[in-house]
């Protein structure tokens, strides 16, 4: 897990950095597979001294492609870090519980996943069968019918050729015609 700490309007001393690393470095125990944790610490000049320090944390996880955010304010920088760490632990535990409850074979919450394995392709199946009478018509009549119906394709029986053909609208706005050949 990569931990990035940035400060705005504040000098980040080694003591503060170690404290943040100690508090937020344990987040990986609550949700395995955390890729990166970004911590932004800022000191703001507010009227209320209880909201002087702002600590924002963003956790990017490879598990379920989640991003979790937390933000806390406090009169003391260390108290704000403690509070945001508690918020993040609670959110990550909730997220872990949701992943575990999905029950899709291997538990993503336990880290029993292989990021290299692609999910299986969904099985495509025919869900609707439509039957309709085809009356003989010319290519011009089929084009008019397709435009009238607002469809992007039209199956018709070509009266001139005596066979079934498929007329379709191309991406460039023109039309295409499929003439099947039976072998």
C-alpha atoms as a PDB file:
ATOM      1  CA  UNK A   1       0.000   0.000   0.000  1.00  0.00           C
ATOM      2  CA  UNK A   2       1.347   3.395  -1.010  1.00  0.00           C
ATOM      3  CA  UNK A   3       0.769   6.184   1.532  1.00  0.00           C
ATOM      4  CA  UNK A   4       0.960   9.751   0.211  1.00  0.00           C
ATOM      5  CA  UNK A   5       0.916  12.612   2.734  1.00  0.00           C
ATOM      6  CA  UNK A   6       0.547  16.228   1.600  1.00  0.00           C
ATOM      7  CA  UNK A   7       0.229  19.428   3.593  1.00  0.00           C
ATOM      8  CA  UNK A   8      -1.384  22.766   2.767  1.00  0.00           C
ATOM      9  CA  UNK A   9      -0.552  25.853   4.850  1.00  0.00           C
ATOM     10  CA  UNK A  10       1.266  23.629   7.338  1.00  0.00           C
ATOM     11  CA  UNK A  11       4.770  22.278   7.855  1.00  0.00           C
ATOM     12  CA  UNK A  12       4.662  18.488   7.989  1.00  0.00           C
ATOM     13  CA  UNK A  13       7.231  17.523  10.600  1.00  0.00           C
ATOM     14  CA  UNK A  14       8.670  14.013  10.752  1.00  0.00           C
ATOM     15  CA  UNK A  15       6.691  13.478  13.983  1.00  0.00           C
ATOM     16  CA  UNK A  16       3.408  14.244  12.205  1.00  0.00           C
ATOM     17  CA  UNK A  17       4.341  12.042   9.255  1.00  0.00           C
ATOM     18  CA  UNK A  18       5.231   9.097  11.513  1.00  0.00           C
ATOM     19  CA  UNK A  19       1.977   9.542  13.452  1.00  0.00           C
ATOM     20  CA  UNK A  20      -0.100   9.545  10.256  1.00  0.00           C
ATOM     21  CA  UNK A  21       1.797   6.518   8.931  1.00  0.00           C
ATOM     22  CA  UNK A  22       1.229   4.661  12.199  1.00  0.00           C
ATOM     23  CA  UNK A  23      -2.492   5.460  12.317  1.00  0.00           C
ATOM     24  CA  UNK A  24      -3.384   5.020   8.660  1.00  0.00           C
ATOM     25  CA  UNK A  25      -0.816   2.397   7.728  1.00  0.00           C
ATOM     26  CA  UNK A  26      -3.017  -0.233   9.390  1.00  0.00           C
ATOM     27  CA  UNK A  27      -5.961   0.288   7.030  1.00  0.00           C
ATOM     28  CA  UNK A  28      -4.800  -2.648   4.905  1.00  0.00           C
ATOM     29  CA  UNK A  29      -5.859  -4.974   7.750  1.00  0.00           C
ATOM     30  CA  UNK A  30      -9.465  -3.828   7.389  1.00  0.00           C
ATOM     31  CA  UNK A  31      -9.705  -4.219   3.603  1.00  0.00           C
ATOM     32  CA  UNK A  32      -6.940  -6.120   1.819  1.00  0.00           C
ATOM     33  CA  UNK A  33      -5.891  -4.978  -1.623  1.00  0.00           C
ATOM     34  CA  UNK A  34      -5.615  -1.253  -0.918  1.00  0.00           C
ATOM     35  CA  UNK A  35      -3.550   0.271  -3.706  1.00  0.00           C
ATOM     36  CA  UNK A  36      -3.051   3.791  -2.435  1.00  0.00           C
ATOM     37  CA  UNK A  37      -3.964   6.009   0.516  1.00  0.00           C
ATOM     38  CA  UNK A  38      -3.796   9.769   0.014  1.00  0.00           C
ATOM     39  CA  UNK A  39      -3.769  12.041   3.087  1.00  0.00           C
ATOM     40  CA  UNK A  40      -4.202  15.804   2.799  1.00  0.00           C
ATOM     41  CA  UNK A  41      -3.584  17.868   5.934  1.00  0.00           C
ATOM     42  CA  UNK A  42      -4.350  21.569   6.008  1.00  0.00           C
ATOM     43  CA  UNK A  43      -4.398  24.304   8.597  1.00  0.00           C
ATOM     44  CA  UNK A  44      -7.137  26.880   8.098  1.00  0.00           C
ATOM     45  CA  UNK A  45      -7.688  30.207   9.779  1.00  0.00           C
ATOM     46  CA  UNK A  46     -11.249  29.763  11.064  1.00  0.00           C
ATOM     47  CA  UNK A  47     -13.242  31.581  13.712  1.00  0.00           C
ATOM     48  CA  UNK A  48     -13.810  28.330  15.515  1.00  0.00           C
ATOM     49  CA  UNK A  49     -10.623  26.875  17.025  1.00  0.00           C
ATOM     50  CA  UNK A  50     -12.284  23.422  17.052  1.00  0.00           C
ATOM     51  CA  UNK A  51     -12.075  23.362  13.255  1.00  0.00           C
ATOM     52  CA  UNK A  52      -8.558  24.642  12.751  1.00  0.00           C
ATOM     53  CA  UNK A  53      -7.039  21.472  11.241  1.00  0.00           C
ATOM     54  CA  UNK A  54      -8.602  19.575   8.335  1.00  0.00           C
ATOM     55  CA  UNK A  55      -7.542  16.025   7.488  1.00  0.00           C
ATOM     56  CA  UNK A  56      -8.849  14.387   4.285  1.00  0.00           C
ATOM     57  CA  UNK A  57      -8.160  10.757   3.435  1.00  0.00           C
ATOM     58  CA  UNK A  58      -8.862   8.973   0.147  1.00  0.00           C
ATOM     59  CA  UNK A  59      -8.334   5.206  -0.117  1.00  0.00           C
ATOM     60  CA  UNK A  60      -8.213   3.579  -3.565  1.00  0.00           C
ATOM     61  CA  UNK A  61      -8.717  -0.146  -3.445  1.00  0.00           C
ATOM     62  CA  UNK A  62      -8.323  -2.797  -6.096  1.00  0.00           C
ATOM     63  CA  UNK A  63     -11.010  -4.864  -4.354  1.00  0.00           C
ATOM     64  CA  UNK A  64     -14.289  -4.180  -6.056  1.00  0.00           C
ATOM     65  CA  UNK A  65     -12.738  -1.017  -7.583  1.00  0.00           C
ATOM     66  CA  UNK A  66     -13.702   1.125  -4.617  1.00  0.00           C
ATOM     67  CA  UNK A  67     -12.652   4.566  -3.488  1.00  0.00           C
ATOM     68  CA  UNK A  68     -13.439   5.539   0.121  1.00  0.00           C
ATOM     69  CA  UNK A  69     -13.252   9.124   1.385  1.00  0.00           C
ATOM     70  CA  UNK A  70     -13.099  10.560   4.889  1.00  0.00           C
ATOM     71  CA  UNK A  71     -12.728  14.074   6.255  1.00  0.00           C
ATOM     72  CA  UNK A  72     -12.452  15.348   9.827  1.00  0.00           C
ATOM     73  CA  UNK A  73     -11.686  18.651  11.529  1.00  0.00           C
ATOM     74  CA  UNK A  74     -10.228  19.320  14.942  1.00  0.00           C
ATOM     75  CA  UNK A  75      -8.522  21.828  17.210  1.00  0.00           C
ATOM     76  CA  UNK A  76      -5.523  19.508  17.473  1.00  0.00           C
ATOM     77  CA  UNK A  77      -3.913  17.880  14.446  1.00  0.00           C
ATOM     78  CA  UNK A  78      -3.415  14.540  16.205  1.00  0.00           C
ATOM     79  CA  UNK A  79      -7.063  14.388  17.344  1.00  0.00           C
ATOM     80  CA  UNK A  80      -8.220  15.085  13.788  1.00  0.00           C
ATOM     81  CA  UNK A  81      -5.991  12.269  12.506  1.00  0.00           C
ATOM     82  CA  UNK A  82      -7.407   9.924  15.169  1.00  0.00           C
ATOM     83  CA  UNK A  83     -10.973  10.782  14.211  1.00  0.00           C
ATOM     84  CA  UNK A  84     -10.426  10.398  10.473  1.00  0.00           C
ATOM     85  CA  UNK A  85      -8.658   7.054  11.089  1.00  0.00           C
ATOM     86  CA  UNK A  86     -11.727   5.839  13.011  1.00  0.00           C
ATOM     87  CA  UNK A  87     -14.011   7.003  10.191  1.00  0.00           C
ATOM     88  CA  UNK A  88     -11.915   5.197   7.589  1.00  0.00           C
ATOM     89  CA  UNK A  89     -11.795   1.977   9.630  1.00  0.00           C
ATOM     90  CA  UNK A  90     -15.590   2.031   9.952  1.00  0.00           C
ATOM     91  CA  UNK A  91     -16.098   2.705   6.232  1.00  0.00           C
ATOM     92  CA  UNK A  92     -13.623   0.025   5.165  1.00  0.00           C
ATOM     93  CA  UNK A  93     -15.222  -2.517   7.519  1.00  0.00           C
ATOM     94  CA  UNK A  94     -18.634  -1.679   6.055  1.00  0.00           C
ATOM     95  CA  UNK A  95     -17.265  -2.083   2.540  1.00  0.00           C
ATOM     96  CA  UNK A  96     -15.618  -5.363   3.465  1.00  0.00           C
ATOM     97  CA  UNK A  97     -18.922  -6.602   4.890  1.00  0.00           C
ATOM     98  CA  UNK A  98     -20.775  -5.725   1.699  1.00  0.00           C
ATOM     99  CA  UNK A  99     -18.201  -7.540  -0.417  1.00  0.00           C
ATOM    100  CA  UNK A 100     -18.344 -10.572   1.866  1.00  0.00           C
ATOM    101  CA  UNK A 101     -22.153 -10.712   1.811  1.00  0.00           C
ATOM    102  CA  UNK A 102     -22.249 -10.829  -1.983  1.00  0.00           C
ATOM    103  CA  UNK A 103     -21.146 -14.470  -1.778  1.00  0.00           C
ATOM    104  CA  UNK A 104     -19.779 -14.877  -5.272  1.00  0.00           C
ATOM    105  CA  UNK A 105     -17.619 -17.899  -4.631  1.00  0.00           C
ATOM    106  CA  UNK A 106     -14.294 -16.509  -3.460  1.00  0.00           C
ATOM    107  CA  UNK A 107     -14.557 -13.755  -0.925  1.00  0.00           C
ATOM    108  CA  UNK A 108     -13.118 -10.465  -2.115  1.00  0.00           C
ATOM    109  CA  UNK A 109     -13.066  -9.289   1.491  1.00  0.00           C
ATOM    110  CA  UNK A 110     -10.555 -11.957   2.499  1.00  0.00           C
ATOM    111  CA  UNK A 111      -8.274 -11.106  -0.379  1.00  0.00           C
ATOM    112  CA  UNK A 112      -8.859 -14.478  -2.068  1.00  0.00           C
ATOM    113  CA  UNK A 113      -8.858 -13.015  -5.534  1.00  0.00           C
ATOM    114  CA  UNK A 114      -6.634 -13.020  -8.518  1.00  0.00           C
ATOM    115  CA  UNK A 115      -6.551  -9.667 -10.260  1.00  0.00           C
ATOM    116  CA  UNK A 116      -5.176 -11.248 -13.436  1.00  0.00           C
ATOM    117  CA  UNK A 117      -8.228 -13.451 -13.984  1.00  0.00           C
ATOM    118  CA  UNK A 118     -10.796 -11.745 -16.172  1.00  0.00           C
ATOM    119  CA  UNK A 119     -14.457 -12.194 -15.274  1.00  0.00           C
ATOM    120  CA  UNK A 120     -16.229 -14.715 -17.477  1.00  0.00           C
ATOM    121  CA  UNK A 121     -18.164 -13.338 -20.416  1.00  0.00           C
ATOM    122  CA  UNK A 122     -21.907 -13.274 -19.786  1.00  0.00           C
ATOM    123  CA  UNK A 123     -23.786 -15.975 -21.632  1.00  0.00           C
ATOM    124  CA  UNK A 124     -25.813 -14.430 -24.447  1.00  0.00           C
ATOM    125  CA  UNK A 125     -29.126 -16.078 -25.165  1.00  0.00           C
ATOM    126  CA  UNK A 126     -32.244 -15.459 -27.208  1.00  0.00           C
ATOM    127  CA  UNK A 127     -34.837 -13.886 -24.927  1.00  0.00           C
ATOM    128  CA  UNK A 128     -37.498 -12.991 -27.468  1.00  0.00           C
ATOM    129  CA  UNK A 129     -38.757 -14.523 -30.693  1.00  0.00           C
ATOM    130  CA  UNK A 130     -40.862 -12.383 -32.996  1.00  0.00           C
ATOM    131  CA  UNK A 131     -42.946 -13.688 -35.891  1.00  0.00           C
ATOM    132  CA  UNK A 132     -44.412 -11.525 -38.611  1.00  0.00           C
ATOM    133  CA  UNK A 133     -45.734 -11.899 -42.141  1.00  0.00           C
ATOM    134  CA  UNK A 134     -43.424 -10.767 -44.902  1.00  0.00           C
ATOM    135  CA  UNK A 135     -45.124  -9.343 -47.953  1.00  0.00           C
ATOM    136  CA  UNK A 136     -43.301  -9.024 -51.244  1.00  0.00           C
ATOM    137  CA  UNK A 137     -41.989  -5.496 -51.951  1.00  0.00           C
ATOM    138  CA  UNK A 138     -39.281  -3.644 -53.820  1.00  0.00           C
ATOM    139  CA  UNK A 139     -36.096  -2.245 -52.303  1.00  0.00           C
ATOM    140  CA  UNK A 140     -37.533   1.297 -52.393  1.00  0.00           C
ATOM    141  CA  UNK A 141     -40.679   0.183 -50.542  1.00  0.00           C
ATOM    142  CA  UNK A 142     -38.555  -1.602 -47.909  1.00  0.00           C
ATOM    143  CA  UNK A 143     -36.506   1.576 -47.384  1.00  0.00           C
ATOM    144  CA  UNK A 144     -39.703   3.601 -46.921  1.00  0.00           C
ATOM    145  CA  UNK A 145     -41.107   1.020 -44.466  1.00  0.00           C
ATOM    146  CA  UNK A 146     -37.896   0.995 -42.425  1.00  0.00           C
ATOM    147  CA  UNK A 147     -37.914   4.808 -42.212  1.00  0.00           C
ATOM    148  CA  UNK A 148     -41.626   4.856 -41.325  1.00  0.00           C
ATOM    149  CA  UNK A 149     -41.081   2.352 -38.505  1.00  0.00           C
ATOM    150  CA  UNK A 150     -37.933   4.116 -37.291  1.00  0.00           C
ATOM    151  CA  UNK A 151     -35.914   0.895 -37.268  1.00  0.00           C
ATOM    152  CA  UNK A 152     -32.245   0.491 -38.085  1.00  0.00           C
ATOM    153  CA  UNK A 153     -32.865  -2.702 -40.091  1.00  0.00           C
ATOM    154  CA  UNK A 154     -35.721  -4.264 -42.068  1.00  0.00           C
ATOM    155  CA  UNK A 155     -36.237  -7.825 -43.267  1.00  0.00           C
ATOM    156  CA  UNK A 156     -38.259  -8.131 -46.481  1.00  0.00           C
ATOM    157  CA  UNK A 157     -39.007 -10.421 -49.404  1.00  0.00           C
ATOM    158  CA  UNK A 158     -37.702  -8.873 -52.621  1.00  0.00           C
ATOM    159  CA  UNK A 159     -40.437  -9.333 -55.229  1.00  0.00           C
ATOM    160  CA  UNK A 160     -38.054  -8.754 -58.147  1.00  0.00           C
ATOM    161  CA  UNK A 161     -35.377 -11.268 -57.068  1.00  0.00           C
ATOM    162  CA  UNK A 162     -37.743 -13.687 -55.308  1.00  0.00           C
ATOM    163  CA  UNK A 163     -35.650 -13.965 -52.107  1.00  0.00           C
ATOM    164  CA  UNK A 164     -35.426 -12.686 -48.549  1.00  0.00           C
ATOM    165  CA  UNK A 165     -33.102  -9.710 -47.972  1.00  0.00           C
ATOM    166  CA  UNK A 166     -32.052  -7.600 -45.001  1.00  0.00           C
ATOM    167  CA  UNK A 167     -31.836  -3.828 -45.343  1.00  0.00           C
ATOM    168  CA  UNK A 168     -29.911  -1.919 -42.633  1.00  0.00           C
ATOM    169  CA  UNK A 169     -28.810   1.633 -41.862  1.00  0.00           C
ATOM    170  CA  UNK A 170     -25.055   2.118 -41.756  1.00  0.00           C
ATOM    171  CA  UNK A 171     -23.223   4.371 -39.293  1.00  0.00           C
ATOM    172  CA  UNK A 172     -22.495   6.861 -42.058  1.00  0.00           C
ATOM    173  CA  UNK A 173     -26.262   7.289 -42.731  1.00  0.00           C
ATOM    174  CA  UNK A 174     -26.373   5.263 -45.961  1.00  0.00           C
ATOM    175  CA  UNK A 175     -28.005   1.846 -46.307  1.00  0.00           C
ATOM    176  CA  UNK A 176     -26.605  -1.645 -46.584  1.00  0.00           C
ATOM    177  CA  UNK A 177     -28.255  -4.736 -48.038  1.00  0.00           C
ATOM    178  CA  UNK A 178     -27.596  -8.324 -47.046  1.00  0.00           C
ATOM    179  CA  UNK A 179     -28.502 -10.955 -49.620  1.00  0.00           C
ATOM    180  CA  UNK A 180     -28.191 -14.475 -48.216  1.00  0.00           C
ATOM    181  CA  UNK A 181     -26.761 -17.250 -50.354  1.00  0.00           C
ATOM    182  CA  UNK A 182     -27.823 -20.753 -49.457  1.00  0.00           C
ATOM    183  CA  UNK A 183     -25.259 -23.447 -50.001  1.00  0.00           C
END
